[in-house]
Amino acid sequence: MAFKTALVVDDSKSARFSLRRFLENQYYKVETAESAEECYTVLRGLRPDVIFLDHVMPGADGFEVLRQIKSDAATSEIKVVICSSHDSPEFMDQAIAGGAVGVLVKPPSAEQLANILNNLNNAVAAPSVPPPIPTVIPTPASVAVAPPSKVANIREPDVAIEQRVMNTVRSTLSTPPPLPQSMPPPLPNNALNEVAQSLSVQIAQLQSQAVQLQSRIDEEQVSVKNQEDLQQLSQELAVQSDRISALEKLVDDHFNELHSALEAGLRAHAERADQIAAAAGERAREEAERTMMNAAARISDQLASSILSALRNVSTSSSAPHSPAGSNPPGTTDRLKA
């Protein structure tokens, strides 16, 4: 097994778990990260052989992380596999152009994962240094720069571009054209180095153009996506505003109904209270009159009893022996007559 360390970057816990289990069964040591920031943190202390990078994540997406990894000299040689539910040829070309070695379509099958790992193993097993160059010194015509069409495909990764260039050089060197009679002397040994440097410069320019073009494509895609999201949000906001207006009207109607019912109930209670107060006042007056009549009756009875008692006393005194005339106080006879 060529690769021994893998980094799985995915914001989905279940996706990280399933991919980690499969890779560990293939004798990989697996590290995980759930965001772009955590991925950068892991890469500061670890150089994995391959990174399985999710396409859609909060914050920076997979392509942005891929550009960051490839732009850093310390991590640019790490193989990156984009994990996404998109399986269109355009998306795969975009991932390859950004520097990925492949696309793992979600949800991945065991067969697909096995194919990805086999491709990675084959890429590592392939010689990274071209075979020795034949000793035949090429002529200026034989080492002419290859047409741009052979190396200017900006949709291919860096490895494919370099391989095409080296294949073209090797093909040219292995079958040099016949030397004409007026052929100048062979070029010095550093001529091939100059040609290689020229090709490297062109490759670097093509790579820079590819990165710039990819950045513009991503910016346009983000702009279009933002406009679509803004339009969708505006529509949702209009719908929510209509719902809020309907709820406000419904609340107002219910409030008016409750207010009317409350006022009617208060009026009914007030009328009932007035009726109870009037009845209580009437009963109070009746009780007062009855009390006064009872009191007057008792007073009359007491007066009558007092009068009868006085009359009895008078009658008793009149039946007693007469006192001498001089002994009665003046006016006593008159009172007795009365």
Protein backbone atom coordinates (compact mmCIF):
# COMPACT_ATOMS: atom_id res chain seq x y z
CA MET A 1 0.00 0.00 0.00
CA ALA A 2 1.61 3.25 -1.19
CA PHE A 3 -0.47 5.71 0.79
CA LYS A 4 -0.42 5.29 4.54
CA THR A 5 -1.87 8.56 5.80
CA ALA A 6 -5.13 10.20 4.74
CA LEU A 7 -6.93 13.36 5.84
CA VAL A 8 -10.74 13.39 5.53
CA VAL A 9 -12.24 16.91 5.50
CA ASP A 10 -16.04 16.95 5.69
CA ASP A 11 -18.57 18.86 7.82
CA SER A 12 -20.80 15.75 7.95
CA LYS A 13 -19.97 13.51 10.91
CA SER A 14 -21.53 10.45 9.27
CA ALA A 15 -19.56 11.01 6.04
CA ARG A 16 -16.29 11.32 7.99
CA PHE A 17 -17.07 8.17 9.96
CA SER A 18 -17.96 5.97 6.96
CA LEU A 19 -14.98 7.12 4.85
CA ARG A 20 -12.63 6.70 7.81
CA ARG A 21 -13.85 3.14 8.42
CA PHE A 22 -13.25 2.20 4.78
CA LEU A 23 -9.77 3.75 4.67
CA GLU A 24 -8.76 2.12 7.94
CA ASN A 25 -9.80 -1.24 6.49
CA GLN A 26 -7.38 -0.47 3.65
CA TYR A 27 -4.56 0.03 6.20
CA TYR A 28 -4.61 3.83 6.16
CA LYS A 29 -3.93 5.99 9.16
CA VAL A 30 -6.78 8.52 9.01
CA GLU A 31 -7.06 12.02 10.43
CA THR A 32 -10.30 14.03 10.15
CA ALA A 33 -11.33 17.69 10.04
CA GLU A 34 -14.80 19.19 9.87
CA SER A 35 -13.98 22.61 8.36
CA ALA A 36 -11.44 24.45 6.23
CA GLU A 37 -9.90 26.11 9.29
CA GLU A 38 -9.43 22.77 11.03
CA CYS A 39 -7.93 21.35 7.82
CA TYR A 40 -5.32 24.13 7.72
CA THR A 41 -4.54 23.48 11.39
CA VAL A 42 -3.97 19.76 10.76
CA LEU A 43 -1.75 20.48 7.74
CA ARG A 44 0.57 22.62 9.86
CA GLY A 45 1.76 19.49 11.65
CA LEU A 46 0.90 16.70 9.20
CA ARG A 47 1.68 15.97 5.57
CA PRO A 48 -0.85 13.29 4.56
CA ASP A 49 -0.41 11.31 1.38
CA VAL A 50 -3.96 12.09 0.24
CA ILE A 51 -6.75 14.46 1.26
CA PHE A 52 -10.41 13.61 0.73
CA LEU A 53 -11.94 17.10 0.55
CA ASP A 54 -15.67 17.81 0.70
CA HIS A 55 -16.97 20.19 -1.96
CA VAL A 56 -19.69 22.01 0.05
CA MET A 57 -18.76 23.14 3.58
CA PRO A 58 -19.64 26.12 5.79
CA GLY A 59 -17.30 29.03 5.17
CA ALA A 60 -14.68 28.13 2.55
CA ASP A 61 -15.82 25.50 0.04
CA GLY A 62 -13.75 22.61 -1.28
CA PHE A 63 -12.41 24.44 -4.36
CA GLU A 64 -11.20 27.35 -2.26
CA VAL A 65 -9.42 24.99 0.12
CA LEU A 66 -7.96 23.14 -2.88
CA ARG A 67 -6.54 26.39 -4.30
CA GLN A 68 -5.04 27.22 -0.91
CA ILE A 69 -3.40 23.80 -0.65
CA LYS A 70 -1.99 23.93 -4.17
CA SER A 71 -0.73 27.51 -3.80
CA ASP A 72 1.33 26.60 -0.72
CA ALA A 73 4.69 25.07 -1.61
CA ALA A 74 4.62 22.98 1.57
CA THR A 75 1.36 21.25 0.63
CA SER A 76 1.19 21.56 -3.17
CA GLU A 77 2.41 17.97 -3.74
CA ILE A 78 -0.34 16.39 -1.61
CA LYS A 79 -2.88 14.45 -3.66
CA VAL A 80 -6.44 15.79 -3.23
CA VAL A 81 -9.70 13.99 -4.05
CA ILE A 82 -12.84 16.15 -4.20
CA CYS A 83 -15.92 14.55 -2.59
CA SER A 84 -19.21 15.79 -4.01
CA SER A 85 -22.67 14.72 -5.10
CA HIS A 86 -22.02 16.33 -8.51
CA ASP A 87 -20.96 13.82 -11.15
CA SER A 88 -21.20 15.88 -14.33
CA PRO A 89 -18.19 15.96 -16.68
CA GLU A 90 -18.01 19.75 -16.30
CA PHE A 91 -17.67 19.47 -12.53
CA MET A 92 -15.02 16.77 -12.81
CA ASP A 93 -13.08 18.89 -15.32
CA GLN A 94 -13.29 21.84 -12.94
CA ALA A 95 -11.94 19.74 -10.07
CA ILE A 96 -9.08 18.35 -12.19
CA ALA A 97 -8.23 21.83 -13.46
CA GLY A 98 -8.01 23.04 -9.87
CA GLY A 99 -5.39 20.41 -9.04
CA ALA A 100 -7.45 17.47 -7.78
CA VAL A 101 -6.50 13.96 -8.86
CA GLY A 102 -10.09 12.76 -8.95
CA VAL A 103 -13.69 13.14 -7.80
CA LEU A 104 -15.40 10.83 -5.31
CA VAL A 105 -19.15 10.94 -5.96
CA LYS A 106 -21.33 10.91 -2.85
CA PRO A 107 -22.58 8.64 -1.47
CA PRO A 108 -19.49 6.60 -2.37
CA SER A 109 -19.65 2.89 -3.00
CA ALA A 110 -16.97 0.42 -1.99
CA GLU A 111 -16.14 -0.18 -5.66
CA GLN A 112 -15.75 3.53 -6.34
CA LEU A 113 -13.50 4.00 -3.31
CA ALA A 114 -11.40 1.02 -4.36
CA ASN A 115 -10.98 2.52 -7.85
CA ILE A 116 -9.93 5.86 -6.36
CA LEU A 117 -7.30 4.16 -4.17
CA ASN A 118 -6.04 2.08 -7.09
CA ASN A 119 -5.64 5.22 -9.20
CA LEU A 120 -3.72 6.87 -6.36
CA ASN A 121 -1.46 3.82 -5.99
CA ASN A 122 -0.80 3.76 -9.73
CA ALA A 123 0.04 7.46 -9.68
CA VAL A 124 2.59 6.86 -6.92
CA ALA A 125 4.00 3.77 -8.61
CA ALA A 126 4.56 5.68 -11.85
CA PRO A 127 8.13 7.05 -12.19
CA SER A 128 8.31 10.68 -11.19
CA VAL A 129 11.60 11.21 -13.17
CA PRO A 130 11.58 10.79 -16.96
CA PRO A 131 13.86 8.13 -18.50
CA PRO A 132 17.39 9.15 -19.52
CA ILE A 133 17.54 11.35 -22.57
CA PRO A 134 19.33 9.78 -25.60
CA THR A 135 22.78 11.06 -26.35
CA VAL A 136 21.76 12.34 -29.77
CA ILE A 137 22.01 16.10 -29.71
CA PRO A 138 18.90 17.60 -31.28
CA THR A 139 19.02 20.28 -33.91
CA PRO A 140 17.27 23.62 -33.52
CA ALA A 141 14.44 22.34 -35.72
CA SER A 142 14.11 19.16 -33.68
CA VAL A 143 13.87 21.03 -30.37
CA ALA A 144 11.44 23.65 -31.52
CA VAL A 145 8.84 24.44 -28.96
CA ALA A 146 5.74 22.29 -29.31
CA PRO A 147 2.62 24.02 -30.56
CA PRO A 148 0.55 25.57 -27.78
CA SER A 149 -2.28 23.20 -28.57
CA LYS A 150 -0.28 20.31 -27.10
CA VAL A 151 0.32 21.91 -23.71
CA ALA A 152 -2.24 24.71 -23.37
CA ASN A 153 -5.17 22.67 -22.20
CA ILE A 154 -5.94 24.61 -19.04
CA ARG A 155 -8.51 22.06 -17.96
CA GLU A 156 -5.80 19.43 -17.27
CA PRO A 157 -3.85 19.16 -14.01
CA ASP A 158 -0.20 20.08 -13.74
CA VAL A 159 0.96 16.46 -13.93
CA ALA A 160 -0.85 15.83 -17.22
CA ILE A 161 0.62 18.98 -18.77
CA GLU A 162 4.17 18.04 -17.76
CA GLN A 163 3.71 14.51 -19.02
CA ARG A 164 2.54 15.74 -22.42
CA VAL A 165 5.49 18.08 -22.71
CA MET A 166 7.98 15.38 -21.71
CA ASN A 167 6.37 12.89 -24.10
CA THR A 168 6.68 15.40 -26.93
CA VAL A 169 10.35 16.04 -26.09
CA ARG A 170 11.15 12.34 -25.81
CA SER A 171 9.35 11.60 -29.08
CA THR A 172 11.27 14.33 -30.81
CA LEU A 173 14.61 13.21 -29.39
CA SER A 174 14.04 9.53 -30.20
CA THR A 175 13.27 10.16 -33.91
CA PRO A 176 15.33 13.17 -34.94
CA PRO A 177 14.94 14.37 -38.54
CA PRO A 178 17.81 13.80 -41.01
CA LEU A 179 20.52 16.40 -40.84
CA PRO A 180 20.58 18.66 -43.92
CA GLN A 181 23.85 19.33 -45.78
CA SER A 182 23.86 22.90 -44.54
CA MET A 183 23.30 21.78 -40.98
CA PRO A 184 25.24 23.97 -38.57
CA PRO A 185 27.39 22.36 -35.92
CA PRO A 186 25.55 20.60 -33.07
CA LEU A 187 24.32 22.82 -30.30
CA PRO A 188 26.20 22.85 -27.03
CA ASN A 189 24.98 20.66 -24.17
CA ASN A 190 23.21 23.54 -22.44
CA ALA A 191 20.84 24.03 -25.41
CA LEU A 192 18.52 21.32 -24.09
CA ASN A 193 18.53 23.02 -20.70
CA GLU A 194 17.51 26.29 -22.32
CA VAL A 195 14.69 24.55 -24.18
CA ALA A 196 13.58 22.86 -20.95
CA GLN A 197 13.66 26.18 -19.15
CA SER A 198 11.59 27.75 -21.94
CA LEU A 199 9.07 24.95 -21.68
CA SER A 200 8.97 25.33 -17.90
CA VAL A 201 8.28 29.04 -18.29
CA GLN A 202 5.44 28.30 -20.71
CA ILE A 203 4.06 25.66 -18.35
CA ALA A 204 4.16 28.12 -15.45
CA GLN A 205 2.39 30.74 -17.57
CA LEU A 206 -0.28 28.24 -18.58
CA GLN A 207 -0.72 27.18 -14.97
CA SER A 208 -1.08 30.82 -13.90
CA GLN A 209 -3.65 31.43 -16.65
CA ALA A 210 -5.55 28.31 -15.58
CA VAL A 211 -5.64 29.49 -11.96
CA GLN A 212 -6.78 32.98 -12.99
CA LEU A 213 -9.46 31.56 -15.28
CA GLN A 214 -10.65 29.20 -12.55
CA SER A 215 -10.81 32.10 -10.09
CA ARG A 216 -12.90 34.13 -12.52
CA ILE A 217 -15.21 31.18 -13.11
CA ASP A 218 -15.62 30.68 -9.37
CA GLU A 219 -16.28 34.39 -8.81
CA GLU A 220 -18.91 34.42 -11.56
CA GLN A 221 -20.52 31.30 -10.14
CA VAL A 222 -20.56 32.83 -6.66
CA SER A 223 -22.00 36.06 -8.06
CA VAL A 224 -24.76 34.23 -9.91
CA LYS A 225 -25.45 32.07 -6.88
CA ASN A 226 -25.59 35.14 -4.63
CA GLN A 227 -28.03 36.85 -6.99
CA GLU A 228 -30.21 33.75 -7.11
CA ASP A 229 -30.07 33.44 -3.33
CA LEU A 230 -30.92 37.14 -2.97
CA GLN A 231 -33.88 36.79 -5.31
CA GLN A 232 -35.08 33.70 -3.46
CA LEU A 233 -34.71 35.49 -0.14
CA SER A 234 -36.68 38.45 -1.49
CA GLN A 235 -39.48 36.15 -2.56
CA GLU A 236 -39.49 34.39 0.80
CA LEU A 237 -39.47 37.77 2.56
CA ALA A 238 -42.50 38.89 0.52
CA VAL A 239 -44.34 35.69 1.43
CA GLN A 240 -43.47 36.13 5.09
CA SER A 241 -44.61 39.78 4.97
CA ASP A 242 -47.98 38.69 3.58
CA ARG A 243 -48.28 36.09 6.32
CA ILE A 244 -47.42 38.67 8.97
CA SER A 245 -50.02 41.08 7.58
CA ALA A 246 -52.67 38.36 7.62
CA LEU A 247 -51.75 37.45 11.20
CA GLU A 248 -51.90 41.11 12.24
CA LYS A 249 -55.38 41.45 10.74
CA LEU A 250 -56.50 38.24 12.45
CA VAL A 251 -55.13 39.47 15.79
CA ASP A 252 -56.90 42.83 15.35
CA ASP A 253 -60.19 41.10 14.58
CA HIS A 254 -59.88 38.86 17.63
CA PHE A 255 -58.94 41.83 19.79
CA ASN A 256 -61.98 43.80 18.62
CA GLU A 257 -64.25 40.83 19.29
CA LEU A 258 -62.78 40.34 22.77
CA HIS A 259 -63.08 44.08 23.50
CA SER A 260 -66.74 44.12 22.45
CA ALA A 261 -67.49 41.00 24.51
CA LEU A 262 -65.68 42.51 27.50
CA GLU A 263 -67.64 45.76 27.27
CA ALA A 264 -70.95 43.86 27.02
CA GLY A 265 -70.00 41.76 30.03
CA LEU A 266 -69.04 44.86 32.04
CA ARG A 267 -72.34 46.54 31.18
CA ALA A 268 -74.28 43.45 32.22
CA HIS A 269 -72.38 43.25 35.49
CA ALA A 270 -72.96 46.98 36.13
CA GLU A 271 -76.70 46.61 35.54
CA ARG A 272 -76.81 43.58 37.81
CA ALA A 273 -74.89 45.49 40.48
CA ASP A 274 -77.35 48.38 40.23
CA GLN A 275 -80.26 45.99 40.58
CA ILE A 276 -78.66 44.32 43.61
CA ALA A 277 -77.93 47.75 45.18
CA ALA A 278 -81.52 48.92 44.61
CA ALA A 279 -82.91 45.72 46.11
CA ALA A 280 -80.57 46.02 49.06
CA GLY A 281 -81.63 49.67 49.60
CA GLU A 282 -85.30 48.73 49.49
CA ARG A 283 -84.80 45.95 51.99
CA ALA A 284 -82.80 48.33 54.19
CA ARG A 285 -85.64 50.85 54.15
CA GLU A 286 -88.17 48.15 54.95
CA GLU A 287 -86.04 46.91 57.81
CA ALA A 288 -85.62 50.48 59.11
CA GLU A 289 -89.35 51.14 58.96
CA ARG A 290 -90.08 47.85 60.68
CA THR A 291 -87.51 48.63 63.35
CA MET A 292 -88.97 52.11 63.88
CA MET A 293 -92.48 50.73 64.10
CA ASN A 294 -91.38 48.10 66.62
CA ALA A 295 -89.58 50.78 68.64
CA ALA A 296 -92.65 53.05 68.55
CA ALA A 297 -94.84 50.15 69.62
CA ARG A 298 -92.56 49.35 72.53
CA ILE A 299 -92.46 53.03 73.55
CA SER A 300 -96.26 53.22 73.37
CA ASP A 301 -96.57 50.11 75.47
CA GLN A 302 -94.13 51.52 78.00
CA LEU A 303 -96.03 54.83 78.14
CA ALA A 304 -99.32 53.04 78.53
CA SER A 305 -97.89 50.88 81.28
CA SER A 306 -96.47 53.96 83.01
CA ILE A 307 -99.82 55.77 82.79
CA LEU A 308 -101.72 52.78 84.17
CA SER A 309 -99.22 52.48 86.97
CA ALA A 310 -99.62 56.16 87.78
CA LEU A 311 -103.40 55.85 87.77
CA ARG A 312 -103.23 52.91 90.11
CA ASN A 313 -101.07 54.88 92.45
CA VAL A 314 -103.50 57.80 92.37
CA SER A 315 -106.45 55.54 93.06
CA THR A 316 -104.66 53.98 95.97
CA SER A 317 -103.85 57.37 97.52
CA SER A 318 -107.44 58.61 97.13
CA SER A 319 -108.82 55.72 99.10
CA ALA A 320 -106.58 56.48 102.10
CA PRO A 321 -107.85 58.72 105.19
CA HIS A 322 -108.07 62.44 104.53
CA SER A 323 -105.37 64.53 106.00
CA PRO A 324 -106.03 67.82 107.75
CA ALA A 325 -106.62 70.66 105.44
CA GLY A 326 -103.64 72.46 106.69
CA SER A 327 -101.44 69.50 106.17
CA ASN A 328 -101.99 69.16 102.40
CA PRO A 329 -99.80 71.29 100.32
CA PRO A 330 -101.42 73.87 98.17
CA GLY A 331 -102.93 72.54 95.02
CA THR A 332 -103.16 68.96 96.16
CA THR A 333 -106.92 68.89 96.00
CA ASP A 334 -106.91 70.28 92.52
CA ARG A 335 -104.49 67.57 91.34
CA LEU A 336 -106.58 64.85 92.94
CA LYS A 337 -109.67 66.12 91.14
CA ALA A 338 -107.89 66.18 87.98
